Amino acid sequence: MRDYKKEYATYQGTEEQKKNRAQRNKARRMLEKEGRVKKGDGKDVDHTKPLSKGGTSTEKNLRVKSKSANRSFPRNSDKSMK
């Protein structure tokens, strides 16, 4: 069984993760105001340069992708991630 309290205390609740979550929420709100996404549309707001690699939530760094395209990763023939 998954220990959610421990996971939050050791990862999700860290200041860095809270800042990243706020940036992702800000990006979604920006594109909602522009009418490019809406709640429940099955789309994700993708950062072209990820926040983890120094990207920002500016309009030129954001794009709209389907959930399946945004949440999948390129894989090798043996199903391992590239």
Protein backbone atom coordinates (compact mmCIF):
# COMPACT_ATOMS: atom_id res chain seq x y z
CA MET A 1 0.00 0.00 0.00
CA ARG A 2 1.27 3.47 -0.90
CA ASP A 3 2.26 5.74 2.00
CA TYR A 4 0.96 9.11 0.81
CA LYS A 5 1.89 10.97 4.00
CA LYS A 6 5.51 9.90 3.66
CA GLU A 7 5.53 10.74 -0.06
CA TYR A 8 4.20 14.23 0.62
CA ALA A 9 6.64 14.81 3.48
CA THR A 10 9.68 13.68 1.49
CA TYR A 11 8.84 14.90 -2.02
CA GLN A 12 5.55 16.62 -2.85
CA GLY A 13 5.68 18.92 0.17
CA THR A 14 9.17 20.26 -0.49
CA GLU A 15 9.51 23.94 -1.32
CA GLU A 16 10.95 23.17 -4.76
CA GLN A 17 7.98 20.98 -5.68
CA LYS A 18 5.50 23.55 -4.36
CA LYS A 19 7.11 26.20 -6.58
CA ASN A 20 7.01 23.90 -9.61
CA ARG A 21 3.34 23.07 -8.98
CA ALA A 22 2.54 26.79 -8.74
CA GLN A 23 4.32 27.39 -12.07
CA ARG A 24 2.34 24.57 -13.75
CA ASN A 25 -0.94 25.97 -12.39
CA LYS A 26 0.00 29.47 -13.58
CA ALA A 27 0.75 28.15 -17.08
CA ARG A 28 -2.62 26.37 -17.25
CA ARG A 29 -4.48 29.52 -16.14
CA MET A 30 -2.68 31.62 -18.76
CA LEU A 31 -3.74 29.33 -21.59
CA GLU A 32 -7.28 29.03 -20.20
CA LYS A 33 -7.61 32.84 -20.38
CA GLU A 34 -6.49 32.72 -24.03
CA GLY A 35 -9.08 30.03 -24.77
CA ARG A 36 -6.50 27.46 -25.87
CA VAL A 37 -7.50 24.94 -23.15
CA LYS A 38 -10.45 24.45 -20.85
CA LYS A 39 -11.24 22.29 -17.86
CA GLY A 40 -11.96 18.67 -18.77
CA ASP A 41 -10.80 18.94 -22.39
CA GLY A 42 -8.24 16.13 -22.13
CA LYS A 43 -5.34 18.45 -22.94
CA ASP A 44 -2.15 19.17 -21.03
CA VAL A 45 -0.12 22.35 -21.01
CA ASP A 46 3.44 21.34 -21.86
CA HIS A 47 6.58 23.32 -21.17
CA THR A 48 8.83 23.10 -24.23
CA LYS A 49 11.85 23.49 -21.95
CA PRO A 50 10.86 21.67 -18.73
CA LEU A 51 10.83 23.51 -15.42
CA SER A 52 13.29 20.91 -14.12
CA LYS A 53 15.77 22.01 -16.79
CA GLY A 54 15.41 25.73 -16.13
CA GLY A 55 12.34 26.46 -18.24
CA THR A 56 9.80 29.13 -17.38
CA SER A 57 6.04 29.57 -17.68
CA THR A 58 6.25 32.26 -20.34
CA GLU A 59 3.91 32.04 -23.30
CA LYS A 60 6.67 31.20 -25.78
CA ASN A 61 7.71 28.17 -23.66
CA LEU A 62 4.17 26.70 -23.48
CA ARG A 63 2.27 24.48 -25.87
CA VAL A 64 -0.91 22.40 -25.72
CA LYS A 65 -0.63 18.64 -26.16
CA SER A 66 -2.96 15.72 -25.65
CA LYS A 67 -2.57 13.97 -22.31
CA SER A 68 -1.34 10.76 -23.94
CA ALA A 69 1.30 12.59 -25.99
CA ASN A 70 2.50 14.68 -23.06
CA ARG A 71 2.68 11.84 -20.53
CA SER A 72 4.42 9.23 -22.67
CA PHE A 73 8.14 8.98 -23.27
CA PRO A 74 10.16 7.67 -26.23
CA ARG A 75 11.03 4.03 -25.67
CA ASN A 76 13.54 1.54 -27.01
CA SER A 77 12.47 -1.73 -28.61
CA ASP A 78 12.83 -3.47 -25.22
CA LYS A 79 10.31 -0.97 -23.75
CA SER A 80 12.97 0.86 -21.68
CA MET A 81 13.00 4.66 -21.80
CA LYS A 82 15.44 6.35 -24.16
